[in-house]
């Protein structure tokens, strides 16, 4: 949070005031998503884990695989009590949302969330608890968002959003702009993805490559608009396909050159009911995004993504893997396995070094990552 102390009679230039408004906390929430071929109970996914979605709203973070130094840079909010939501697919996307906390004063799951999660049975289930930054706690601002045929959740914030909000809206096709109901940067990010999906207004599903391309394009839009608003000029990385999905330390020294003092966190989960795309991204090469983990969903033939592992004890905890920085992963009914690609320089450098070093634990034996 930025506080500026000035004399009472001081005058601030409009451009400076706009920049000060743009510099806001990079917020963080918690989110869980399941995608598979088997119908699963929403309660099983969101409520029954040792470290469940309601627990993530208030309990200390569980972030295995992250060092003490990295933990301080992760931007995981301690409390996420500004709303909750459950999303699923049943001949289209649906959601139940609330502006209230997911837990009561005794940190017990509220009845409304319990009911919403337990009544869901779907091959795609989303859950979110929100930490409000830059917009009020309101049902319309709670995740997940139903945006036409897609469900969308976001963990993070768009740097400079207050300064480029109108420019972003001007880029959108009118039918997509009219779908925005709230004030959050997250919902506008969902609109950017929709804008980059061909014939979005008339389709119910998309091929996996279309969803991935739309997410890449939305990330590029955010970086361009943010850099213009905050007057950054840091070069962007070129998306690179990789067989390495996990976050792993590089065995070779790599010193990034970073100029962004205020960067965007773009952890996203987006689905059309047949494909799930996940990103863990921070627009500064020097800084870590919020955490995001994944695992095979037991014998159900699907995947779980979660801001923190749903298990806290071994051996179940060992099955969770931390998605690498600046990585985009996806799973679809048609493709079966998870595929990964880099969205930034930090991811690409680490992946290339791991491949060169022959890190067998990090490498995959096919073009798509095969989770074990």
Protein backbone atom coordinates (compact mmCIF):
# COMPACT_ATOMS: atom_id res chain seq x y z
CA UNK A 1 0.00 0.00 0.00
CA UNK A 2 1.43 3.39 -0.98
CA UNK A 3 0.91 6.41 1.28
CA UNK A 4 2.03 9.82 0.02
CA UNK A 5 2.46 12.63 2.58
CA UNK A 6 2.31 16.12 1.09
CA UNK A 7 1.69 19.66 2.36
CA UNK A 8 -1.97 20.58 2.75
CA UNK A 9 -1.77 23.21 0.00
CA UNK A 10 0.16 21.02 -2.44
CA UNK A 11 -1.23 20.50 -5.94
CA UNK A 12 -0.77 17.16 -7.68
CA UNK A 13 -0.64 17.04 -11.46
CA UNK A 14 -3.47 14.89 -12.90
CA UNK A 15 -0.97 12.55 -14.59
CA UNK A 16 0.85 12.00 -11.27
CA UNK A 17 -2.43 11.39 -9.46
CA UNK A 18 -3.40 8.80 -12.08
CA UNK A 19 -0.06 7.05 -11.60
CA UNK A 20 -0.47 7.03 -7.81
CA UNK A 21 -3.91 5.49 -8.20
CA UNK A 22 -2.44 2.87 -10.48
CA UNK A 23 0.10 1.74 -7.87
CA UNK A 24 -1.93 -0.63 -5.73
CA UNK A 25 -1.30 -3.79 -3.76
CA UNK A 26 -0.79 -6.86 -5.85
CA UNK A 27 -3.53 -8.92 -4.31
CA UNK A 28 -3.86 -12.62 -3.92
CA UNK A 29 -6.73 -15.04 -3.36
CA UNK A 30 -6.96 -18.85 -3.24
CA UNK A 31 -8.51 -21.07 -5.86
CA UNK A 32 -9.07 -24.73 -6.73
CA UNK A 33 -10.07 -26.32 -10.04
CA UNK A 34 -10.78 -29.89 -11.08
CA UNK A 35 -11.15 -31.08 -14.66
CA UNK A 36 -11.61 -34.71 -15.62
CA UNK A 37 -13.70 -37.33 -17.33
CA UNK A 38 -15.51 -38.47 -14.17
CA UNK A 39 -18.29 -36.62 -12.34
CA UNK A 40 -16.99 -35.60 -8.93
CA UNK A 41 -18.80 -34.11 -5.94
CA UNK A 42 -17.91 -30.48 -5.38
CA UNK A 43 -17.73 -31.08 -1.66
CA UNK A 44 -15.10 -33.77 -2.12
CA UNK A 45 -12.92 -31.40 -4.11
CA UNK A 46 -13.45 -28.12 -2.26
CA UNK A 47 -14.32 -29.07 1.33
CA UNK A 48 -13.01 -32.51 2.25
CA UNK A 49 -9.25 -32.02 1.92
CA UNK A 50 -6.99 -31.58 4.94
CA UNK A 51 -6.26 -28.08 3.62
CA UNK A 52 -9.64 -27.24 2.11
CA UNK A 53 -10.82 -24.12 0.31
CA UNK A 54 -12.44 -22.65 3.47
CA UNK A 55 -9.27 -23.35 5.44
CA UNK A 56 -7.22 -21.44 2.85
CA UNK A 57 -9.35 -18.41 3.68
CA UNK A 58 -7.78 -18.05 7.11
CA UNK A 59 -5.07 -20.66 7.89
CA UNK A 60 -1.30 -20.26 7.45
CA UNK A 61 -0.15 -20.98 3.92
CA UNK A 62 0.99 -24.47 2.92
CA UNK A 63 3.65 -23.99 0.23
CA UNK A 64 6.01 -26.99 -0.07
CA UNK A 65 8.90 -26.65 -2.49
CA UNK A 66 9.25 -22.93 -1.80
CA UNK A 67 12.26 -21.61 0.13
CA UNK A 68 12.05 -19.12 2.98
CA UNK A 69 13.28 -16.30 0.72
CA UNK A 70 10.79 -17.17 -2.01
CA UNK A 71 7.94 -17.29 0.52
CA UNK A 72 8.43 -13.61 1.26
CA UNK A 73 8.00 -12.79 -2.43
CA UNK A 74 4.99 -14.99 -3.16
CA UNK A 75 2.24 -12.42 -2.61
CA UNK A 76 -0.07 -14.89 -0.91
CA UNK A 77 -2.49 -12.95 1.25
CA UNK A 78 -2.74 -14.14 4.86
CA UNK A 79 -6.54 -13.72 4.89
CA UNK A 80 -9.01 -14.29 2.05
CA UNK A 81 -12.33 -13.35 3.62
CA UNK A 82 -13.90 -10.99 1.07
CA UNK A 83 -16.14 -13.46 -0.75
CA UNK A 84 -16.31 -16.99 -2.10
CA UNK A 85 -17.64 -18.78 -5.14
CA UNK A 86 -18.28 -22.23 -6.59
CA UNK A 87 -18.46 -22.93 -10.33
CA UNK A 88 -19.26 -25.99 -12.44
CA UNK A 89 -20.50 -27.15 -15.84
CA UNK A 90 -23.86 -28.74 -16.57
CA UNK A 91 -24.73 -28.10 -20.24
CA UNK A 92 -22.92 -24.80 -19.77
CA UNK A 93 -21.16 -22.91 -16.96
CA UNK A 94 -22.86 -22.08 -13.64
CA UNK A 95 -21.77 -20.42 -10.43
CA UNK A 96 -22.90 -19.56 -6.90
CA UNK A 97 -21.12 -16.59 -5.33
CA UNK A 98 -21.16 -14.59 -2.12
CA UNK A 99 -19.70 -11.32 -0.87
CA UNK A 100 -19.25 -12.82 2.60
CA UNK A 101 -16.42 -14.82 4.12
CA UNK A 102 -16.23 -18.57 3.53
CA UNK A 103 -15.90 -19.14 7.29
CA UNK A 104 -17.59 -17.78 10.40
CA UNK A 105 -16.02 -16.23 13.50
CA UNK A 106 -14.92 -19.71 14.66
CA UNK A 107 -13.36 -20.46 11.26
CA UNK A 108 -16.07 -23.01 10.49
CA UNK A 109 -17.31 -23.33 6.90
CA UNK A 110 -20.46 -21.25 6.40
CA UNK A 111 -23.64 -23.17 5.58
CA UNK A 112 -24.15 -21.46 2.21
CA UNK A 113 -20.78 -22.61 0.91
CA UNK A 114 -21.30 -26.09 2.33
CA UNK A 115 -24.65 -26.35 0.54
CA UNK A 116 -23.37 -24.92 -2.74
CA UNK A 117 -20.38 -27.28 -2.91
CA UNK A 118 -22.26 -30.41 -1.80
CA UNK A 119 -24.98 -30.02 -4.44
CA UNK A 120 -22.50 -29.86 -7.34
CA UNK A 121 -21.52 -32.92 -9.35
CA UNK A 122 -19.53 -32.20 -12.49
CA UNK A 123 -16.49 -33.05 -14.59
CA UNK A 124 -15.32 -29.45 -14.04
CA UNK A 125 -15.46 -27.81 -10.59
CA UNK A 126 -14.10 -24.40 -9.57
CA UNK A 127 -13.79 -22.87 -6.10
CA UNK A 128 -12.44 -19.48 -4.98
CA UNK A 129 -11.97 -17.42 -1.81
CA UNK A 130 -11.23 -13.75 -2.33
CA UNK A 131 -8.96 -11.10 -0.86
CA UNK A 132 -10.41 -7.81 -2.06
CA UNK A 133 -7.92 -5.28 -3.41
CA UNK A 134 -8.99 -2.24 -5.40
CA UNK A 135 -12.69 -3.16 -5.56
CA UNK A 136 -15.34 -3.71 -2.94
CA UNK A 137 -16.46 -7.03 -1.51
CA UNK A 138 -19.62 -7.78 -3.49
CA UNK A 139 -21.23 -10.83 -5.03
CA UNK A 140 -20.74 -9.37 -8.51
CA UNK A 141 -16.99 -9.10 -7.82
CA UNK A 142 -16.57 -12.62 -6.44
CA UNK A 143 -15.05 -15.41 -8.50
CA UNK A 144 -15.53 -17.56 -10.49
CA UNK A 145 -16.94 -15.49 -13.32
CA UNK A 146 -19.29 -16.99 -15.89
CA UNK A 147 -18.29 -15.32 -19.11
CA UNK A 148 -20.40 -16.62 -21.94
CA UNK A 149 -19.40 -20.29 -22.34
CA UNK A 150 -16.38 -20.13 -20.00
CA UNK A 151 -15.63 -20.16 -16.29
CA UNK A 152 -12.76 -17.95 -15.11
CA UNK A 153 -10.85 -17.34 -11.87
CA UNK A 154 -7.85 -15.13 -11.15
CA UNK A 155 -5.35 -14.85 -8.32
CA UNK A 156 -3.34 -11.63 -8.39
CA UNK A 157 -3.77 -8.13 -9.79
CA UNK A 158 -3.12 -6.12 -12.95
CA UNK A 159 -0.49 -3.45 -12.27
CA UNK A 160 -1.79 -0.02 -13.19
CA UNK A 161 -5.34 -1.22 -13.87
CA UNK A 162 -6.92 2.01 -12.63
CA UNK A 163 -4.89 3.92 -15.22
CA UNK A 164 -5.63 1.69 -18.23
CA UNK A 165 -9.12 0.39 -17.46
CA UNK A 166 -10.81 2.49 -20.14
CA UNK A 167 -8.18 1.64 -22.77
CA UNK A 168 -8.74 -2.06 -22.04
CA UNK A 169 -12.50 -1.68 -22.40
CA UNK A 170 -12.07 0.11 -25.73
CA UNK A 171 -10.29 -2.94 -27.12
CA UNK A 172 -13.22 -5.25 -26.42
CA UNK A 173 -15.96 -6.06 -28.89
CA UNK A 174 -19.22 -4.46 -27.64
CA UNK A 175 -21.03 -7.77 -26.93
CA UNK A 176 -18.14 -8.85 -24.72
CA UNK A 177 -17.82 -5.49 -22.99
CA UNK A 178 -21.49 -5.70 -22.07
CA UNK A 179 -20.89 -8.98 -20.19
CA UNK A 180 -18.81 -7.18 -17.55
CA UNK A 181 -20.94 -6.67 -14.45
CA UNK A 182 -18.46 -5.78 -11.69
CA UNK A 183 -15.47 -3.55 -11.05
CA UNK A 184 -12.60 -6.02 -10.75
CA UNK A 185 -9.49 -6.18 -12.87
CA UNK A 186 -10.04 -9.96 -12.87
CA UNK A 187 -13.35 -9.75 -14.75
CA UNK A 188 -11.77 -7.42 -17.30
CA UNK A 189 -8.98 -9.97 -17.74
CA UNK A 190 -11.63 -12.62 -18.45
CA UNK A 191 -13.12 -10.26 -21.03
CA UNK A 192 -9.76 -9.98 -22.79
CA UNK A 193 -9.57 -13.77 -23.09
CA UNK A 194 -13.10 -13.87 -24.50
CA UNK A 195 -12.20 -11.10 -26.97
CA UNK A 196 -9.41 -13.25 -28.40
CA UNK A 197 -11.64 -16.32 -28.90
CA UNK A 198 -12.95 -16.45 -32.47
CA UNK A 199 -16.75 -16.36 -32.69
CA UNK A 200 -16.94 -16.36 -28.88
CA UNK A 201 -20.51 -15.10 -28.84
CA UNK A 202 -21.86 -18.09 -30.81
CA UNK A 203 -19.87 -21.07 -29.53
CA UNK A 204 -20.03 -23.34 -26.49
CA UNK A 205 -16.60 -24.99 -26.66
CA UNK A 206 -13.16 -24.33 -28.13
CA UNK A 207 -10.25 -26.51 -29.13
CA UNK A 208 -7.41 -26.45 -26.55
CA UNK A 209 -5.06 -24.52 -28.81
CA UNK A 210 -7.66 -21.74 -29.14
CA UNK A 211 -7.99 -21.33 -25.38
CA UNK A 212 -4.23 -21.33 -24.92
CA UNK A 213 -3.77 -18.75 -27.68
CA UNK A 214 -6.46 -16.51 -26.17
CA UNK A 215 -4.79 -16.64 -22.75
CA UNK A 216 -1.40 -15.80 -24.30
CA UNK A 217 -2.92 -12.87 -26.17
CA UNK A 218 -4.64 -11.57 -23.02
CA UNK A 219 -1.35 -11.71 -21.10
CA UNK A 220 0.35 -9.75 -23.89
CA UNK A 221 -2.45 -7.15 -23.82
CA UNK A 222 -2.11 -6.69 -20.05
CA UNK A 223 1.66 -6.26 -20.26
CA UNK A 224 1.35 -3.73 -23.09
CA UNK A 225 -1.34 -1.69 -21.34
CA UNK A 226 0.39 -1.86 -17.96
CA UNK A 227 3.75 -0.83 -19.41
CA UNK A 228 2.16 2.11 -21.18
CA UNK A 229 0.36 3.23 -18.03
CA UNK A 230 3.40 2.86 -15.78
CA UNK A 231 5.95 3.87 -18.43
CA UNK A 232 7.93 0.61 -18.29
CA UNK A 233 10.00 -0.50 -21.24
CA UNK A 234 11.17 -3.97 -20.20
CA UNK A 235 11.33 -6.43 -23.13
CA UNK A 236 8.90 -9.33 -23.03
CA UNK A 237 9.70 -13.00 -23.42
CA UNK A 238 8.63 -15.07 -26.41
CA UNK A 239 6.28 -17.99 -25.54
CA UNK A 240 8.21 -21.24 -25.74
CA UNK A 241 6.94 -24.83 -25.69
CA UNK A 242 8.61 -26.95 -23.02
CA UNK A 243 8.43 -30.42 -21.55
CA UNK A 244 9.26 -29.04 -18.09
CA UNK A 245 6.21 -28.04 -16.03
CA UNK A 246 7.49 -27.98 -12.45
CA UNK A 247 9.18 -25.19 -10.53
CA UNK A 248 12.80 -26.29 -10.09
CA UNK A 249 16.01 -24.41 -9.28
CA UNK A 250 18.38 -24.05 -12.19
CA UNK A 251 21.83 -25.57 -11.88
CA UNK A 252 23.34 -22.72 -13.88
CA UNK A 253 23.52 -19.12 -12.72
CA UNK A 254 21.00 -16.82 -14.35
CA UNK A 255 20.90 -13.16 -13.36
CA UNK A 256 17.76 -11.48 -14.66
CA UNK A 257 17.74 -7.83 -15.64
CA UNK A 258 14.55 -6.31 -14.29
CA UNK A 259 13.14 -2.81 -14.51
CA UNK A 260 9.51 -3.30 -13.45
CA UNK A 261 8.94 -1.81 -9.99
CA UNK A 262 5.24 -2.71 -10.08
CA UNK A 263 4.35 -5.93 -11.86
CA UNK A 264 1.21 -7.94 -12.59
CA UNK A 265 0.39 -11.32 -11.06
CA UNK A 266 -1.61 -13.43 -13.52
CA UNK A 267 -2.45 -16.78 -11.95
CA UNK A 268 -5.51 -17.87 -13.94
CA UNK A 269 -7.82 -20.85 -14.27
CA UNK A 270 -10.15 -20.86 -17.29
CA UNK A 271 -12.33 -23.61 -18.73
CA UNK A 272 -15.01 -24.21 -21.36
CA UNK A 273 -16.00 -27.52 -19.73
CA UNK A 274 -13.75 -29.63 -21.98
CA UNK A 275 -10.38 -27.88 -21.56
CA UNK A 276 -8.79 -26.35 -18.46
CA UNK A 277 -5.98 -23.79 -18.82
CA UNK A 278 -3.89 -22.72 -15.83
CA UNK A 279 -1.18 -20.06 -15.57
CA UNK A 280 1.29 -19.09 -12.86
CA UNK A 281 2.77 -15.81 -14.02
CA UNK A 282 4.43 -12.65 -12.69
CA UNK A 283 5.43 -9.98 -15.20
CA UNK A 284 8.72 -9.26 -13.43
CA UNK A 285 11.42 -11.81 -14.11
CA UNK A 286 12.86 -11.02 -10.66
CA UNK A 287 9.70 -11.78 -8.68
CA UNK A 288 7.73 -14.92 -7.90
CA UNK A 289 4.00 -15.25 -8.69
CA UNK A 290 1.54 -16.50 -6.08
CA UNK A 291 1.76 -20.26 -5.59
CA UNK A 292 -0.14 -22.74 -7.77
CA UNK A 293 0.13 -26.54 -7.47
CA UNK A 294 -1.22 -29.46 -9.48
CA UNK A 295 -1.69 -33.22 -9.16
CA UNK A 296 -3.37 -36.14 -10.85
CA UNK A 297 -6.92 -36.45 -9.52
CA UNK A 298 -6.56 -40.02 -8.21
CA UNK A 299 -8.02 -42.64 -10.56
CA UNK A 300 -10.58 -40.25 -12.05
CA UNK A 301 -8.51 -39.44 -15.12
CA UNK A 302 -8.22 -35.71 -14.51
CA UNK A 303 -6.22 -32.97 -12.85
CA UNK A 304 -6.47 -30.80 -9.77
CA UNK A 305 -5.00 -27.31 -9.61
CA UNK A 306 -4.88 -25.48 -6.29
CA UNK A 307 -3.21 -22.37 -4.89
CA UNK A 308 -1.99 -24.62 -2.07
CA UNK A 309 -1.94 -28.43 -1.77
CA UNK A 310 -5.16 -29.89 -0.39
CA UNK A 311 -3.09 -32.42 1.57
CA UNK A 312 -0.78 -31.56 4.45
CA UNK A 313 0.56 -34.99 5.44
CA UNK A 314 2.67 -37.57 3.66
CA UNK A 315 2.47 -39.50 1.43
CA UNK A 316 -0.44 -37.57 -0.14
CA UNK A 317 1.42 -34.25 0.06
CA UNK A 318 4.25 -35.65 -2.09
CA UNK A 319 1.89 -36.02 -5.07
CA UNK A 320 1.53 -32.25 -5.46
CA UNK A 321 3.86 -30.36 -7.80
CA UNK A 322 4.50 -26.62 -7.88
CA UNK A 323 3.82 -25.20 -11.33
CA UNK A 324 6.85 -23.29 -12.60
CA UNK A 325 7.08 -19.51 -12.74
CA UNK A 326 5.61 -18.02 -15.93
CA UNK A 327 4.20 -21.39 -17.00
CA UNK A 328 0.92 -22.09 -18.77
CA UNK A 329 -0.48 -25.62 -18.40
CA UNK A 330 -3.60 -27.13 -19.92
CA UNK A 331 -5.59 -30.36 -19.83
CA UNK A 332 -8.43 -31.40 -22.11
CA UNK A 333 -10.70 -34.38 -22.66
CA UNK A 334 -9.34 -34.71 -26.18
CA UNK A 335 -5.63 -34.42 -25.35
CA UNK A 336 -5.79 -36.47 -22.15
CA UNK A 337 -2.45 -35.36 -20.69
CA UNK A 338 -1.24 -31.99 -19.45
CA UNK A 339 0.66 -29.78 -21.88
CA UNK A 340 2.89 -26.90 -20.85
CA UNK A 341 4.53 -23.88 -22.38
CA UNK A 342 6.52 -20.89 -21.20
CA UNK A 343 5.02 -17.42 -21.16
CA UNK A 344 8.17 -15.54 -20.16
CA UNK A 345 11.95 -15.44 -20.19
CA UNK A 346 12.40 -16.79 -16.66
CA UNK A 347 10.45 -19.96 -17.48
CA UNK A 348 12.18 -20.44 -20.82
CA UNK A 349 15.69 -20.07 -19.37
CA UNK A 350 15.02 -22.50 -16.52
CA UNK A 351 13.40 -25.04 -18.84
CA UNK A 352 16.22 -24.93 -21.38
CA UNK A 353 18.84 -25.37 -18.66
CA UNK A 354 17.01 -28.34 -17.14
CA UNK A 355 16.80 -30.00 -20.55
CA UNK A 356 20.49 -29.34 -21.20
CA UNK A 357 21.46 -30.69 -17.79
CA UNK A 358 19.45 -33.87 -18.30
CA UNK A 359 17.38 -33.49 -15.12
CA UNK A 360 15.47 -36.76 -15.49
CA UNK A 361 13.01 -36.00 -12.71
CA UNK A 362 11.89 -32.81 -14.43
CA UNK A 363 11.76 -34.10 -17.98
CA UNK A 364 8.79 -35.67 -19.72
CA UNK A 365 9.04 -38.46 -22.25
CA UNK A 366 6.56 -37.02 -24.75
CA UNK A 367 5.46 -33.70 -26.19
CA UNK A 368 2.74 -33.40 -23.57
CA UNK A 369 3.68 -33.68 -19.92
CA UNK A 370 2.75 -37.02 -18.42
CA UNK A 371 2.05 -36.61 -14.73
CA UNK A 372 3.14 -39.47 -12.52
